[in-house]
C-alpha cells in the first residue's frame, strides 16, 4: 500500500505527506505551549524575562530541527498517484 522512502530520499525531496504535516503541527504546538508555560513559571520564579525567553527560544530551536527537515517519520503515508494515461488524440 504505502512505500516508505529511505532516510536520505526523504531529506533530499523535502516533502511531507498530509498525516506527517498534521503530526508536525501537533508536535510543534504542544512543545511550544509547554515551553511557554514552563518559561513563564521559570521567569516568574527568578524575576527575569531573559530566563523565560531562553526556555522558549530553546524549545523553538528543538522544534525547528525536528519539524523543518522532512524526516522519514513524516512520510509514512505517501499518496500513490495514478500513472498518466495516453489519449487517442496524442
C-alpha atoms as a PDB file:
ATOM      1  CA  UNK A   1       0.000   0.000   0.000  1.00  0.00           C
ATOM      2  CA  UNK A   2       2.425   2.679   1.144  1.00  0.00           C
ATOM      3  CA  UNK A   3       6.062   2.729   0.275  1.00  0.00           C
ATOM      4  CA  UNK A   4       8.422   4.054   2.899  1.00  0.00           C
ATOM      5  CA  UNK A   5      11.231   6.010   1.254  1.00  0.00           C
ATOM      6  CA  UNK A   6      14.721   5.938   2.670  1.00  0.00           C
ATOM      7  CA  UNK A   7      16.233   8.431   5.076  1.00  0.00           C
ATOM      8  CA  UNK A   8      18.267  10.391   2.541  1.00  0.00           C
ATOM      9  CA  UNK A   9      15.487  10.257  -0.057  1.00  0.00           C
ATOM     10  CA  UNK A  10      13.113  11.988   2.347  1.00  0.00           C
ATOM     11  CA  UNK A  11      15.625  14.691   3.219  1.00  0.00           C
ATOM     12  CA  UNK A  12      16.530  15.292  -0.427  1.00  0.00           C
ATOM     13  CA  UNK A  13      12.920  15.505  -1.655  1.00  0.00           C
ATOM     14  CA  UNK A  14      11.818  17.747   1.195  1.00  0.00           C
ATOM     15  CA  UNK A  15       8.179  16.662   1.027  1.00  0.00           C
ATOM     16  CA  UNK A  16       5.788  15.599   3.780  1.00  0.00           C
ATOM     17  CA  UNK A  17       2.553  13.722   3.439  1.00  0.00           C
ATOM     18  CA  UNK A  18      -0.680  15.071   4.922  1.00  0.00           C
ATOM     19  CA  UNK A  19      -0.547  12.868   8.011  1.00  0.00           C
ATOM     20  CA  UNK A  20       3.068  13.900   8.590  1.00  0.00           C
ATOM     21  CA  UNK A  21       2.116  17.572   8.343  1.00  0.00           C
ATOM     22  CA  UNK A  22      -0.592  17.077  10.956  1.00  0.00           C
ATOM     23  CA  UNK A  23       1.899  15.309  13.253  1.00  0.00           C
ATOM     24  CA  UNK A  24       4.439  18.111  12.789  1.00  0.00           C
ATOM     25  CA  UNK A  25       1.904  20.830  13.592  1.00  0.00           C
ATOM     26  CA  UNK A  26       0.643  18.951  16.654  1.00  0.00           C
ATOM     27  CA  UNK A  27       4.192  18.377  17.951  1.00  0.00           C
ATOM     28  CA  UNK A  28       5.182  21.999  17.324  1.00  0.00           C
ATOM     29  CA  UNK A  29       2.066  23.331  19.047  1.00  0.00           C
ATOM     30  CA  UNK A  30       2.327  21.116  22.120  1.00  0.00           C
ATOM     31  CA  UNK A  31       6.041  21.726  22.643  1.00  0.00           C
ATOM     32  CA  UNK A  32       5.799  25.495  22.238  1.00  0.00           C
ATOM     33  CA  UNK A  33       2.798  25.792  24.545  1.00  0.00           C
ATOM     34  CA  UNK A  34       4.513  23.654  27.183  1.00  0.00           C
ATOM     35  CA  UNK A  35       7.731  25.653  26.834  1.00  0.00           C
ATOM     36  CA  UNK A  36       5.778  28.897  27.111  1.00  0.00           C
ATOM     37  CA  UNK A  37       4.160  27.794  30.343  1.00  0.00           C
ATOM     38  CA  UNK A  38       7.414  26.430  31.761  1.00  0.00           C
ATOM     39  CA  UNK A  39       9.296  29.544  30.653  1.00  0.00           C
ATOM     40  CA  UNK A  40       6.681  31.765  32.260  1.00  0.00           C
ATOM     41  CA  UNK A  41       6.959  29.855  35.533  1.00  0.00           C
ATOM     42  CA  UNK A  42      10.763  29.940  35.499  1.00  0.00           C
ATOM     43  CA  UNK A  43      10.789  33.628  34.559  1.00  0.00           C
ATOM     44  CA  UNK A  44       8.319  34.433  37.321  1.00  0.00           C
ATOM     45  CA  UNK A  45      10.277  32.433  39.893  1.00  0.00           C
ATOM     46  CA  UNK A  46      13.570  34.115  39.002  1.00  0.00           C
ATOM     47  CA  UNK A  47      12.055  37.534  38.166  1.00  0.00           C
ATOM     48  CA  UNK A  48      13.973  37.592  34.895  1.00  0.00           C
ATOM     49  CA  UNK A  49      12.360  37.795  31.485  1.00  0.00           C
ATOM     50  CA  UNK A  50      15.578  36.524  29.909  1.00  0.00           C
ATOM     51  CA  UNK A  51      15.113  33.099  31.512  1.00  0.00           C
ATOM     52  CA  UNK A  52      11.577  32.813  30.123  1.00  0.00           C
ATOM     53  CA  UNK A  53      12.826  33.874  26.705  1.00  0.00           C
ATOM     54  CA  UNK A  54      15.710  31.376  26.748  1.00  0.00           C
ATOM     55  CA  UNK A  55      13.388  28.466  27.562  1.00  0.00           C
ATOM     56  CA  UNK A  56      11.029  29.416  24.745  1.00  0.00           C
ATOM     57  CA  UNK A  57      13.889  30.016  22.310  1.00  0.00           C
ATOM     58  CA  UNK A  58      15.454  26.633  23.107  1.00  0.00           C
ATOM     59  CA  UNK A  59      12.100  24.938  22.510  1.00  0.00           C
ATOM     60  CA  UNK A  60      11.749  26.807  19.221  1.00  0.00           C
ATOM     61  CA  UNK A  61      15.178  25.569  18.088  1.00  0.00           C
ATOM     62  CA  UNK A  62      14.355  21.979  19.047  1.00  0.00           C
ATOM     63  CA  UNK A  63      11.040  22.189  17.200  1.00  0.00           C
ATOM     64  CA  UNK A  64      12.702  23.715  14.167  1.00  0.00           C
ATOM     65  CA  UNK A  65      15.300  20.959  13.965  1.00  0.00           C
ATOM     66  CA  UNK A  66      12.604  18.354  14.448  1.00  0.00           C
ATOM     67  CA  UNK A  67       9.888  19.643  12.142  1.00  0.00           C
ATOM     68  CA  UNK A  68      11.510  21.609   9.306  1.00  0.00           C
ATOM     69  CA  UNK A  69      13.531  18.769   7.710  1.00  0.00           C
ATOM     70  CA  UNK A  70      11.390  16.147   6.046  1.00  0.00           C
ATOM     71  CA  UNK A  71      12.271  13.184   8.260  1.00  0.00           C
ATOM     72  CA  UNK A  72      11.016   9.699   7.294  1.00  0.00           C
ATOM     73  CA  UNK A  73       8.610   9.692  10.255  1.00  0.00           C
ATOM     74  CA  UNK A  74       6.638  12.387   8.421  1.00  0.00           C
ATOM     75  CA  UNK A  75       6.477  10.357   5.168  1.00  0.00           C
ATOM     76  CA  UNK A  76       4.894   7.088   6.216  1.00  0.00           C
ATOM     77  CA  UNK A  77       1.572   7.655   4.421  1.00  0.00           C
ATOM     78  CA  UNK A  78       2.564   8.858   0.979  1.00  0.00           C
ATOM     79  CA  UNK A  79      -0.039   9.180  -1.738  1.00  0.00           C
ATOM     80  CA  UNK A  80       0.251   6.857  -4.701  1.00  0.00           C
ATOM     81  CA  UNK A  81      -0.758   8.801  -7.789  1.00  0.00           C
ATOM     82  CA  UNK A  82      -2.118   7.137 -10.902  1.00  0.00           C
ATOM     83  CA  UNK A  83       0.066   6.948 -13.968  1.00  0.00           C
ATOM     84  CA  UNK A  84      -0.702   9.298 -16.840  1.00  0.00           C
ATOM     85  CA  UNK A  85      -2.868   7.711 -19.468  1.00  0.00           C
ATOM     86  CA  UNK A  86      -2.163   8.484 -23.104  1.00  0.00           C
ATOM     87  CA  UNK A  87      -5.203   9.680 -25.002  1.00  0.00           C
ATOM     88  CA  UNK A  88      -6.023   8.554 -28.539  1.00  0.00           C
ATOM     89  CA  UNK A  89      -5.540  12.085 -29.886  1.00  0.00           C
ATOM     90  CA  UNK A  90      -1.852  12.250 -28.849  1.00  0.00           C
END
